[in-house]
Amino acid sequence: MKNSHEDTKKKAPDGGWGWFVCLGSSLISLSLRSLDPSFGLLFQDLLEDLHIESTGTSMIMSILDAIVNFSGLFVGPLLKKYSYRKVAFFGSLLSCTGLMLTSRADSMFYLICTYSILGGFGTGIAIASAFVALNTFFDKKRGQAVGFSMAGTTLAMMLVPQLVHVLLRSYGFRGTMLIISAWALHSVVGACLLKSLETRKEVSKPKKITEPKEKDALLQKYSMSLRKVTNDTSHGTDGRKRSETKNDSKIIEVEDDENDKKTTCFGKLKKTFDLDLLKDTVYLNVIIGTSLYYVAESNFKLMTPFFLSSIGMTKAEVAFCLSLTAFTDILARLTLPTIFDKFGLKKRSIFWICSLMVGFGRSVLAERTKGTTLIVIFIIIGFLRGATLVNLNLSISECCSLKKLPSAFGIFMVSKGIFVVAMSPLIGYIRDYTQSYRICIHVMTSLIILTFVSWTVEFSYFGLRKRKRDLIEETHKSTIE
């Protein structure tokens, strides 16, 4: 017999190699997602040449988002079998290949196959791997780490619209796409910086070894008690009890066999994907609310260049507005997480409040056309958007254990994909039917309000339950006294 056993534990170092993981996560995100705000600017001429309207444009982006998010189905199982580095490396190469092939696009179907499906799947698994890896290295400083990693993405979003504007004038759409696909290869470098957190082994204290004399005494007592039991059961009851014991053991064996047979395919899937998370009402409310916000965010990001063009702005002015929003966004991601972590504010509470402010700010923006007011609103919205997006994914990690985070984040991605597929084409249809971007922006704000309301109901319910429980405990203590 072994005198000791080893327990393997993981402890987040909140630093060390974690900052290189933060850098790698930032490289992956800025390389693969920095093009999203410039989609309208980059693809506008191609979409017009192919006679693709708003509904078709929304379909291309919604399929992209759906594939990115549905790739979450594979994140949990892949990370259980392979390392963060391998999964992110494969995803990065796949996404870069999709961007490269997009440069030869000549139809909407071709765009969907290369840009949306191939690129989307690679982007999804690479970014999810980076996020989970980052969470394993940080605990108390998790908000800062995620903020810094996302700040690089925002910095790229600030520079890419200007870069795209310059490249389009010099190389056209196809040359620009090749350059962007080469830029995206930086994600491969970022993937190489990811690694699994080293485990530290704790050896439990060895059990006290019993002395030989004490052993002999214990064995003597045991044999005496055994003889007594044998004598008691020898008078007519021994045979019956033995048969009962045999029957009980047979029943147990039969029950075990039946339980093994009940381990169906669904049971294996449930264990692989941690589907028991769906029984948690708080987790369900979180993923539904964040999915609604994501639909509003992705569609607003897509339609912003078209909206600004519709009110008379030139491409240069549109690029300036996008860069200005990204600049204030990056300021928020670099400064606010440190403050929030210092005061110990909950990530969900921050997201809950800031998302509502973002929605109302965009509705105000929709009613403006030009002037200084428009610029001021863009600055405010950009800052609030940064605070919201930093805490979007952290709201998921806050409501589950680190062990189940890969599966929890994967299910969240699938939820986003379902909502995007269901609602984004509807928003595009509203735009084509009403011929108004202003109405579409108000519809997006209504989705954010739904999130705010559902979370308010949850917070109020659990707050009242806690208050009631505290009152009962106080009453019980006073009664005892």
Protein backbone atom coordinates (compact mmCIF):
# COMPACT_ATOMS: atom_id res chain seq x y z
CA MET A 1 0.00 0.00 0.00
CA LYS A 2 1.11 3.53 -0.77
CA ASN A 3 1.65 5.74 2.21
CA SER A 4 0.80 8.93 0.29
CA HIS A 5 -0.97 10.16 -2.80
CA GLU A 6 -0.48 13.12 -5.10
CA ASP A 7 -3.06 15.81 -5.88
CA THR A 8 -2.54 17.81 -9.03
CA LYS A 9 -3.76 21.41 -8.78
CA LYS A 10 -3.69 24.41 -11.04
CA LYS A 11 -3.21 27.89 -9.66
CA ALA A 12 -3.45 31.01 -11.81
CA PRO A 13 -0.14 32.91 -11.43
CA ASP A 14 -1.70 36.27 -12.43
CA GLY A 15 1.45 37.11 -14.35
CA GLY A 16 4.64 35.44 -15.55
CA TRP A 17 4.17 33.68 -18.86
CA GLY A 18 0.53 34.76 -18.65
CA TRP A 19 1.48 38.14 -20.13
CA PHE A 20 2.93 36.38 -23.17
CA VAL A 21 -0.32 34.44 -23.43
CA CYS A 22 -2.05 37.84 -23.27
CA LEU A 23 0.15 39.05 -26.14
CA GLY A 24 -0.58 35.90 -28.15
CA SER A 25 -4.32 36.28 -27.58
CA SER A 26 -4.08 39.90 -28.70
CA LEU A 27 -2.19 38.95 -31.88
CA ILE A 28 -4.79 36.33 -32.76
CA SER A 29 -7.73 38.69 -32.21
CA LEU A 30 -6.27 41.72 -33.99
CA SER A 31 -5.12 39.63 -36.95
CA LEU A 32 -8.39 37.77 -37.50
CA ARG A 33 -11.13 40.19 -36.38
CA SER A 34 -9.74 43.66 -37.12
CA LEU A 35 -11.27 43.57 -40.61
CA ASP A 36 -14.86 43.29 -39.37
CA PRO A 37 -15.62 47.03 -38.92
CA SER A 38 -14.19 47.71 -42.38
CA PHE A 39 -16.25 45.06 -44.17
CA GLY A 40 -18.57 47.65 -45.73
CA LEU A 41 -15.65 49.87 -46.72
CA LEU A 42 -13.64 47.01 -48.25
CA PHE A 43 -16.43 45.06 -49.96
CA GLN A 44 -18.69 47.94 -51.00
CA ASP A 45 -17.53 48.17 -54.63
CA LEU A 46 -17.45 44.37 -55.06
CA LEU A 47 -20.96 44.00 -53.62
CA GLU A 48 -22.25 46.68 -56.00
CA ASP A 49 -20.60 44.97 -58.97
CA LEU A 50 -22.18 41.64 -57.97
CA HIS A 51 -25.57 43.37 -57.38
CA ILE A 52 -25.75 42.19 -53.77
CA GLU A 53 -28.12 44.31 -51.64
CA SER A 54 -28.42 44.75 -47.86
CA THR A 55 -30.16 41.40 -47.37
CA GLY A 56 -27.35 39.56 -49.16
CA THR A 57 -24.72 41.54 -47.28
CA SER A 58 -26.37 40.70 -43.96
CA MET A 59 -26.50 37.05 -45.03
CA ILE A 60 -22.75 36.95 -45.73
CA MET A 61 -21.93 38.49 -42.35
CA SER A 62 -24.55 36.49 -40.47
CA ILE A 63 -23.21 33.22 -41.90
CA LEU A 64 -19.69 34.34 -40.94
CA ASP A 65 -20.79 35.07 -37.38
CA ALA A 66 -22.82 31.84 -37.27
CA ILE A 67 -19.81 29.71 -38.33
CA VAL A 68 -17.51 31.55 -35.92
CA ASN A 69 -19.94 30.83 -33.12
CA PHE A 70 -21.03 27.32 -34.12
CA SER A 71 -17.37 26.36 -34.09
CA GLY A 72 -17.85 26.55 -30.32
CA LEU A 73 -19.33 23.04 -30.56
CA PHE A 74 -15.81 21.76 -31.22
CA VAL A 75 -13.92 23.97 -28.78
CA GLY A 76 -14.60 21.92 -25.64
CA PRO A 77 -13.77 18.48 -27.13
CA LEU A 78 -10.73 19.81 -29.02
CA LEU A 79 -9.24 21.47 -25.95
CA LYS A 80 -9.77 18.29 -23.94
CA LYS A 81 -7.69 16.35 -26.49
CA TYR A 82 -5.20 18.92 -27.81
CA SER A 83 -3.32 21.88 -26.35
CA TYR A 84 -4.35 25.53 -26.70
CA ARG A 85 -1.38 26.09 -29.01
CA LYS A 86 -2.27 23.31 -31.47
CA VAL A 87 -5.94 24.26 -31.73
CA ALA A 88 -5.19 27.98 -32.16
CA PHE A 89 -2.43 27.26 -34.72
CA PHE A 90 -4.75 25.15 -36.87
CA GLY A 91 -7.55 27.71 -36.64
CA SER A 92 -5.25 30.59 -37.58
CA LEU A 93 -3.95 28.83 -40.70
CA LEU A 94 -7.49 27.93 -41.75
CA SER A 95 -8.71 31.52 -41.36
CA CYS A 96 -5.76 32.98 -43.30
CA THR A 97 -6.39 30.52 -46.13
CA GLY A 98 -10.01 31.65 -46.31
CA LEU A 99 -9.01 35.32 -46.57
CA MET A 100 -6.48 34.54 -49.29
CA LEU A 101 -9.05 32.65 -51.38
CA THR A 102 -11.56 35.50 -50.93
CA SER A 103 -9.36 37.71 -53.11
CA ARG A 104 -10.63 35.73 -56.14
CA ALA A 105 -14.32 36.10 -55.24
CA ASP A 106 -16.67 36.46 -58.23
CA SER A 107 -20.06 35.54 -56.71
CA MET A 108 -22.00 35.64 -53.46
CA PHE A 109 -21.75 31.85 -53.09
CA TYR A 110 -17.93 32.04 -53.42
CA LEU A 111 -17.80 34.74 -50.73
CA ILE A 112 -19.88 32.63 -48.36
CA CYS A 113 -17.69 29.53 -48.88
CA THR A 114 -14.32 31.25 -48.40
CA TYR A 115 -14.88 34.35 -46.27
CA SER A 116 -17.82 33.16 -44.16
CA ILE A 117 -17.41 29.38 -43.77
CA LEU A 118 -13.68 28.62 -44.10
CA GLY A 119 -12.44 31.82 -42.49
CA GLY A 120 -15.19 31.81 -39.87
CA PHE A 121 -14.50 28.31 -38.59
CA GLY A 122 -10.77 28.95 -38.25
CA THR A 123 -11.34 32.28 -36.52
CA GLY A 124 -13.82 30.78 -34.07
CA ILE A 125 -11.65 27.98 -32.72
CA ALA A 126 -8.50 30.14 -32.65
CA ILE A 127 -10.08 32.98 -30.64
CA ALA A 128 -11.89 30.60 -28.27
CA SER A 129 -8.64 28.74 -27.55
CA ALA A 130 -6.85 32.01 -26.83
CA PHE A 131 -9.61 33.21 -24.48
CA VAL A 132 -9.69 29.98 -22.45
CA ALA A 133 -5.87 29.92 -22.24
CA LEU A 134 -5.89 33.51 -20.96
CA ASN A 135 -8.45 32.67 -18.27
CA THR A 136 -6.32 29.82 -16.92
CA PHE A 137 -3.34 32.15 -16.32
CA PHE A 138 -5.28 34.95 -14.59
CA ASP A 139 -7.71 35.17 -11.69
CA LYS A 140 -7.59 38.47 -9.79
CA LYS A 141 -6.14 40.33 -12.80
CA ARG A 142 -8.38 38.62 -15.34
CA GLY A 143 -10.18 41.84 -16.29
CA GLN A 144 -6.88 43.62 -16.93
CA ALA A 145 -5.51 40.74 -19.00
CA VAL A 146 -8.63 40.48 -21.16
CA GLY A 147 -8.72 44.28 -21.52
CA PHE A 148 -5.09 44.41 -22.67
CA SER A 149 -5.58 41.52 -25.10
CA MET A 150 -8.65 43.16 -26.60
CA ALA A 151 -6.96 46.58 -26.71
CA GLY A 152 -4.68 45.27 -29.46
CA THR A 153 -7.74 44.33 -31.50
CA THR A 154 -9.18 47.79 -31.07
CA LEU A 155 -5.87 49.39 -32.04
CA ALA A 156 -5.96 47.39 -35.25
CA MET A 157 -9.59 48.41 -35.80
CA MET A 158 -8.49 52.02 -35.51
CA LEU A 159 -5.70 51.64 -38.08
CA VAL A 160 -7.24 49.13 -40.51
CA PRO A 161 -9.97 51.44 -41.92
CA GLN A 162 -7.29 53.98 -42.88
CA LEU A 163 -5.09 51.21 -44.25
CA VAL A 164 -7.96 49.72 -46.27
CA HIS A 165 -8.82 53.14 -47.70
CA VAL A 166 -5.22 53.63 -48.89
CA LEU A 167 -4.80 50.08 -50.19
CA LEU A 168 -8.03 50.15 -52.18
CA ARG A 169 -6.87 53.22 -54.08
CA SER A 170 -3.52 51.62 -54.91
CA TYR A 171 -4.27 47.89 -55.39
CA GLY A 172 -8.04 47.50 -55.69
CA PHE A 173 -10.11 44.91 -53.89
CA ARG A 174 -8.19 41.77 -54.87
CA GLY A 175 -4.72 43.13 -54.10
CA THR A 176 -5.97 44.53 -50.79
CA MET A 177 -7.39 41.15 -49.75
CA LEU A 178 -4.04 39.43 -50.42
CA ILE A 179 -2.23 41.98 -48.26
CA ILE A 180 -4.80 41.57 -45.49
CA SER A 181 -4.47 37.76 -45.62
CA ALA A 182 -0.70 38.18 -45.18
CA TRP A 183 -1.36 40.52 -42.24
CA ALA A 184 -3.61 37.85 -40.71
CA LEU A 185 -0.67 35.40 -40.56
CA HIS A 186 0.45 37.23 -37.41
CA SER A 187 -2.18 35.09 -35.68
CA VAL A 188 0.07 32.05 -36.23
CA VAL A 189 2.79 33.78 -34.21
CA GLY A 190 0.24 34.53 -31.50
CA ALA A 191 -0.82 30.87 -31.40
CA CYS A 192 2.79 29.82 -30.76
CA LEU A 193 2.80 31.92 -27.56
CA LEU A 194 -0.07 29.97 -26.04
CA LYS A 195 0.68 27.11 -23.71
CA SER A 196 -1.06 25.12 -21.02
CA LEU A 197 -0.67 26.16 -17.40
CA GLU A 198 1.83 23.99 -15.61
CA THR A 199 0.36 21.96 -12.79
CA ARG A 200 1.89 21.85 -9.37
CA LYS A 201 1.73 18.63 -7.43
CA GLU A 202 0.85 18.59 -3.79
CA VAL A 203 1.80 15.48 -1.82
CA SER A 204 -0.49 14.78 1.08
CA LYS A 205 1.01 13.95 4.46
CA PRO A 206 1.75 10.24 4.86
CA LYS A 207 -0.56 8.38 7.14
CA LYS A 208 0.78 7.33 10.52
CA ILE A 209 2.19 3.82 10.35
CA THR A 210 0.74 1.55 13.02
CA GLU A 211 3.32 -0.09 15.28
CA PRO A 212 3.55 -3.93 15.17
CA LYS A 213 2.21 -4.35 18.75
CA GLU A 214 -0.77 -2.14 17.97
CA LYS A 215 -1.37 -4.15 14.79
CA ASP A 216 -1.41 -7.44 16.72
CA ALA A 217 -3.87 -6.03 19.25
CA LEU A 218 -6.20 -4.80 16.51
CA LEU A 219 -6.06 -8.15 14.68
CA GLN A 220 -6.85 -10.02 17.91
CA LYS A 221 -9.90 -7.85 18.59
CA TYR A 222 -11.07 -8.27 15.00
CA SER A 223 -10.78 -12.09 15.15
CA MET A 224 -12.70 -12.23 18.44
CA SER A 225 -15.56 -10.13 17.05
CA LEU A 226 -15.62 -12.28 13.93
CA ARG A 227 -15.95 -15.48 15.98
CA LYS A 228 -18.81 -13.97 17.96
CA VAL A 229 -20.71 -13.07 14.79
CA THR A 230 -20.10 -16.56 13.39
CA ASN A 231 -21.47 -18.25 16.53
CA ASP A 232 -24.56 -16.05 16.54
CA THR A 233 -25.41 -16.82 12.94
CA SER A 234 -24.64 -20.57 13.07
CA HIS A 235 -27.99 -21.51 14.72
CA GLY A 236 -30.37 -21.77 11.78
CA THR A 237 -29.79 -18.33 10.34
CA ASP A 238 -26.44 -18.80 8.64
CA GLY A 239 -27.76 -20.43 5.47
CA ARG A 240 -30.56 -17.92 5.07
CA LYS A 241 -28.25 -14.92 5.47
CA ARG A 242 -25.74 -16.30 3.03
CA SER A 243 -28.44 -16.83 0.43
CA GLU A 244 -29.76 -13.32 1.03
CA THR A 245 -26.27 -11.90 0.60
CA LYS A 246 -25.83 -13.80 -2.65
CA ASN A 247 -29.22 -12.60 -3.91
CA ASP A 248 -28.41 -9.00 -2.99
CA SER A 249 -25.09 -9.17 -4.83
CA LYS A 250 -26.85 -10.58 -7.90
CA ILE A 251 -29.43 -7.77 -7.82
CA ILE A 252 -26.66 -5.18 -7.56
CA GLU A 253 -24.83 -6.72 -10.52
CA VAL A 254 -28.02 -6.69 -12.62
CA GLU A 255 -28.65 -3.04 -11.72
CA ASP A 256 -25.09 -2.12 -12.68
CA ASP A 257 -25.50 -3.85 -16.05
CA GLU A 258 -28.75 -1.95 -16.67
CA ASN A 259 -27.11 1.36 -15.78
CA ASP A 260 -24.27 0.62 -18.21
CA LYS A 261 -26.78 -0.06 -20.97
CA LYS A 262 -28.51 3.23 -20.23
CA THR A 263 -25.28 5.07 -21.09
CA THR A 264 -26.58 6.07 -24.50
CA CYS A 265 -25.10 8.29 -27.15
CA PHE A 266 -26.84 11.28 -25.57
CA GLY A 267 -25.18 10.47 -22.25
CA LYS A 268 -21.75 10.51 -23.86
CA LEU A 269 -22.53 13.78 -25.63
CA LYS A 270 -23.75 15.27 -22.36
CA LYS A 271 -20.48 14.38 -20.68
CA THR A 272 -18.30 15.51 -23.61
CA PHE A 273 -19.97 18.91 -24.06
CA ASP A 274 -20.95 19.47 -20.37
CA LEU A 275 -24.61 19.91 -21.33
CA ASP A 276 -25.60 19.93 -17.67
CA LEU A 277 -24.72 23.63 -17.83
CA LEU A 278 -28.07 24.15 -19.58
CA LYS A 279 -29.84 23.24 -16.32
CA ASP A 280 -28.42 26.39 -14.71
CA THR A 281 -31.01 29.17 -15.14
CA VAL A 282 -28.48 31.90 -14.38
CA TYR A 283 -26.12 30.62 -17.07
CA LEU A 284 -29.00 30.41 -19.56
CA ASN A 285 -30.04 33.99 -18.82
CA VAL A 286 -26.44 35.15 -19.26
CA ILE A 287 -25.91 33.50 -22.66
CA ILE A 288 -29.30 34.66 -23.98
CA GLY A 289 -28.72 38.24 -22.87
CA THR A 290 -25.17 38.43 -24.20
CA SER A 291 -26.30 36.80 -27.47
CA LEU A 292 -28.95 39.49 -27.97
CA TYR A 293 -26.36 42.18 -27.38
CA TYR A 294 -23.97 40.46 -29.79
CA VAL A 295 -26.60 40.51 -32.55
CA ALA A 296 -27.12 44.24 -32.01
CA GLU A 297 -23.36 44.89 -31.89
CA SER A 298 -22.45 42.90 -35.00
CA ASN A 299 -25.24 44.44 -37.10
CA PHE A 300 -24.46 47.98 -35.95
CA LYS A 301 -20.79 47.42 -36.76
CA LEU A 302 -21.79 46.19 -40.22
CA MET A 303 -24.24 48.98 -41.01
CA THR A 304 -22.27 51.94 -39.59
CA PRO A 305 -20.28 52.62 -42.82
CA PHE A 306 -23.47 52.38 -44.91
CA PHE A 307 -25.37 54.62 -42.47
CA LEU A 308 -22.64 57.27 -42.53
CA SER A 309 -22.50 57.13 -46.33
CA SER A 310 -26.28 57.54 -46.50
CA ILE A 311 -26.10 60.86 -44.62
CA GLY A 312 -23.59 62.27 -47.12
CA MET A 313 -20.17 61.34 -45.71
CA THR A 314 -17.26 60.51 -48.01
CA LYS A 315 -15.14 57.36 -47.62
CA ALA A 316 -12.40 59.39 -45.95
CA GLU A 317 -14.89 60.79 -43.40
CA VAL A 318 -16.32 57.34 -42.75
CA ALA A 319 -12.83 55.96 -42.13
CA PHE A 320 -12.14 58.87 -39.73
CA CYS A 321 -15.32 58.19 -37.72
CA LEU A 322 -14.53 54.48 -37.45
CA SER A 323 -10.98 55.23 -36.33
CA LEU A 324 -12.21 57.78 -33.78
CA THR A 325 -14.60 55.24 -32.27
CA ALA A 326 -11.83 52.65 -32.13
CA PHE A 327 -9.49 55.14 -30.42
CA THR A 328 -11.92 55.82 -27.56
CA ASP A 329 -12.67 52.10 -27.41
CA ILE A 330 -9.00 51.26 -26.86
CA LEU A 331 -8.73 53.90 -24.11
CA ALA A 332 -11.61 52.24 -22.27
CA ARG A 333 -10.08 48.76 -22.59
CA LEU A 334 -6.70 49.92 -21.28
CA THR A 335 -7.93 51.99 -18.33
CA LEU A 336 -11.29 50.70 -17.08
CA PRO A 337 -10.47 47.00 -16.37
CA THR A 338 -7.71 48.02 -13.91
CA ILE A 339 -10.15 50.28 -12.06
CA PHE A 340 -12.92 47.67 -12.05
CA ASP A 341 -10.57 44.95 -10.73
CA LYS A 342 -9.26 47.27 -8.02
CA PHE A 343 -12.75 47.93 -6.66
CA GLY A 344 -13.85 44.31 -7.15
CA LEU A 345 -16.85 45.20 -9.31
CA LYS A 346 -18.70 42.29 -10.90
CA LYS A 347 -18.25 41.91 -14.64
CA ARG A 348 -21.94 41.24 -15.26
CA SER A 349 -23.02 44.39 -13.43
CA ILE A 350 -20.66 46.52 -15.52
CA PHE A 351 -21.88 44.93 -18.74
CA TRP A 352 -25.50 45.30 -17.62
CA ILE A 353 -25.27 49.07 -17.13
CA CYS A 354 -22.86 49.98 -19.96
CA SER A 355 -24.78 48.00 -22.60
CA LEU A 356 -27.94 50.00 -21.94
CA MET A 357 -26.02 53.26 -22.24
CA VAL A 358 -24.52 52.07 -25.54
CA GLY A 359 -27.99 51.28 -26.91
CA PHE A 360 -29.45 54.66 -26.01
CA GLY A 361 -26.36 56.42 -27.37
CA ARG A 362 -26.76 54.72 -30.74
CA SER A 363 -30.44 55.66 -30.93
CA VAL A 364 -29.46 59.29 -30.32
CA LEU A 365 -26.80 58.94 -33.02
CA ALA A 366 -29.40 57.68 -35.50
CA GLU A 367 -31.34 60.94 -35.16
CA ARG A 368 -28.29 63.10 -35.98
CA THR A 369 -26.86 63.88 -39.39
CA LYS A 370 -23.71 66.01 -39.22
CA GLY A 371 -21.82 68.43 -37.04
CA THR A 372 -19.86 68.44 -33.80
CA THR A 373 -22.63 66.61 -31.93
CA LEU A 374 -22.16 63.56 -34.15
CA ILE A 375 -18.45 63.43 -33.37
CA VAL A 376 -19.06 63.79 -29.61
CA ILE A 377 -21.60 60.95 -29.68
CA PHE A 378 -19.12 58.73 -31.54
CA ILE A 379 -16.51 59.39 -28.84
CA ILE A 380 -18.92 58.56 -25.99
CA ILE A 381 -20.27 55.45 -27.70
CA GLY A 382 -16.76 54.20 -28.43
CA PHE A 383 -15.73 54.54 -24.79
CA LEU A 384 -18.86 52.78 -23.49
CA ARG A 385 -18.53 50.07 -26.13
CA GLY A 386 -15.03 49.28 -24.91
CA ALA A 387 -16.27 48.88 -21.33
CA THR A 388 -19.08 46.61 -22.56
CA LEU A 389 -17.08 44.32 -24.84
CA VAL A 390 -14.33 43.74 -22.27
CA ASN A 391 -16.94 42.31 -19.90
CA LEU A 392 -18.99 40.43 -22.53
CA ASN A 393 -16.99 37.19 -22.43
CA LEU A 394 -16.01 37.69 -18.79
CA SER A 395 -19.70 37.52 -17.89
CA ILE A 396 -19.56 33.88 -19.03
CA SER A 397 -16.43 32.98 -17.06
CA GLU A 398 -17.93 34.64 -13.98
CA CYS A 399 -20.93 32.30 -13.85
CA CYS A 400 -19.12 28.94 -14.25
CA SER A 401 -16.09 27.09 -12.93
CA LEU A 402 -12.73 27.20 -14.71
CA LYS A 403 -12.96 23.46 -15.38
CA LYS A 404 -16.17 23.89 -17.38
CA LEU A 405 -15.14 27.16 -19.04
CA PRO A 406 -14.19 25.62 -22.44
CA SER A 407 -17.62 23.97 -22.75
CA ALA A 408 -19.43 26.97 -21.25
CA PHE A 409 -17.75 29.32 -23.71
CA GLY A 410 -18.44 26.89 -26.57
CA ILE A 411 -22.16 26.72 -25.73
CA PHE A 412 -22.19 30.51 -25.51
CA MET A 413 -20.68 30.72 -29.00
CA VAL A 414 -23.34 28.35 -30.33
CA SER A 415 -26.03 30.49 -28.70
CA LYS A 416 -24.63 33.57 -30.43
CA GLY A 417 -24.65 31.71 -33.73
CA ILE A 418 -28.30 30.70 -33.36
CA PHE A 419 -29.37 34.24 -32.56
CA VAL A 420 -27.31 35.69 -35.41
CA VAL A 421 -28.78 33.25 -37.96
CA ALA A 422 -32.31 33.89 -36.71
CA MET A 423 -32.23 37.67 -36.29
CA SER A 424 -29.59 39.24 -38.57
CA PRO A 425 -31.42 38.49 -41.85
CA LEU A 426 -34.56 39.93 -40.24
CA ILE A 427 -32.71 43.18 -39.48
CA GLY A 428 -31.44 43.26 -43.07
CA TYR A 429 -35.00 42.73 -44.33
CA ILE A 430 -36.24 45.62 -42.18
CA ARG A 431 -33.56 47.83 -43.76
CA ASP A 432 -34.54 46.86 -47.33
CA TYR A 433 -38.26 47.18 -46.59
CA THR A 434 -38.10 50.55 -44.81
CA GLN A 435 -35.09 51.92 -46.74
CA SER A 436 -33.97 53.41 -43.42
CA TYR A 437 -30.84 52.70 -41.39
CA ARG A 438 -32.28 54.83 -38.59
CA ILE A 439 -35.11 52.35 -37.93
CA CYS A 440 -32.64 49.44 -37.96
CA ILE A 441 -30.52 51.14 -35.30
CA HIS A 442 -33.60 51.58 -33.08
CA VAL A 443 -34.41 47.88 -33.54
CA MET A 444 -30.88 47.01 -32.37
CA THR A 445 -31.37 49.18 -29.30
CA SER A 446 -34.59 47.30 -28.49
CA LEU A 447 -32.60 44.03 -28.42
CA ILE A 448 -30.20 45.54 -25.87
CA ILE A 449 -33.17 46.69 -23.77
CA LEU A 450 -34.46 43.09 -23.73
CA THR A 451 -31.12 42.00 -22.25
CA PHE A 452 -31.28 44.74 -19.63
CA VAL A 453 -34.83 43.81 -18.64
CA SER A 454 -34.18 40.04 -18.37
CA TRP A 455 -31.09 40.59 -16.22
CA THR A 456 -32.93 43.12 -14.07
CA VAL A 457 -35.62 40.53 -13.35
CA GLU A 458 -32.96 37.97 -12.38
CA PHE A 459 -31.03 40.38 -10.14
CA SER A 460 -34.25 41.48 -8.45
CA TYR A 461 -35.43 37.91 -7.86
CA PHE A 462 -32.20 36.68 -6.32
CA GLY A 463 -31.80 39.93 -4.40
CA LEU A 464 -35.23 39.49 -2.80
CA ARG A 465 -34.48 35.85 -2.00
CA LYS A 466 -31.22 36.82 -0.31
CA ARG A 467 -32.95 39.56 1.65
CA LYS A 468 -35.69 37.15 2.77
CA ARG A 469 -33.11 34.56 3.81
CA ASP A 470 -31.18 37.17 5.82
CA LEU A 471 -34.37 38.26 7.60
CA ILE A 472 -35.16 34.65 8.53
CA GLU A 473 -31.65 34.15 9.89
CA GLU A 474 -31.85 37.37 11.93
CA THR A 475 -35.24 36.35 13.33
CA HIS A 476 -33.90 32.92 14.22
CA LYS A 477 -30.88 34.42 16.01
CA SER A 478 -33.05 36.87 17.98
CA THR A 479 -35.36 34.00 19.02
CA ILE A 480 -32.42 31.94 20.30
CA GLU A 481 -31.06 34.90 22.25
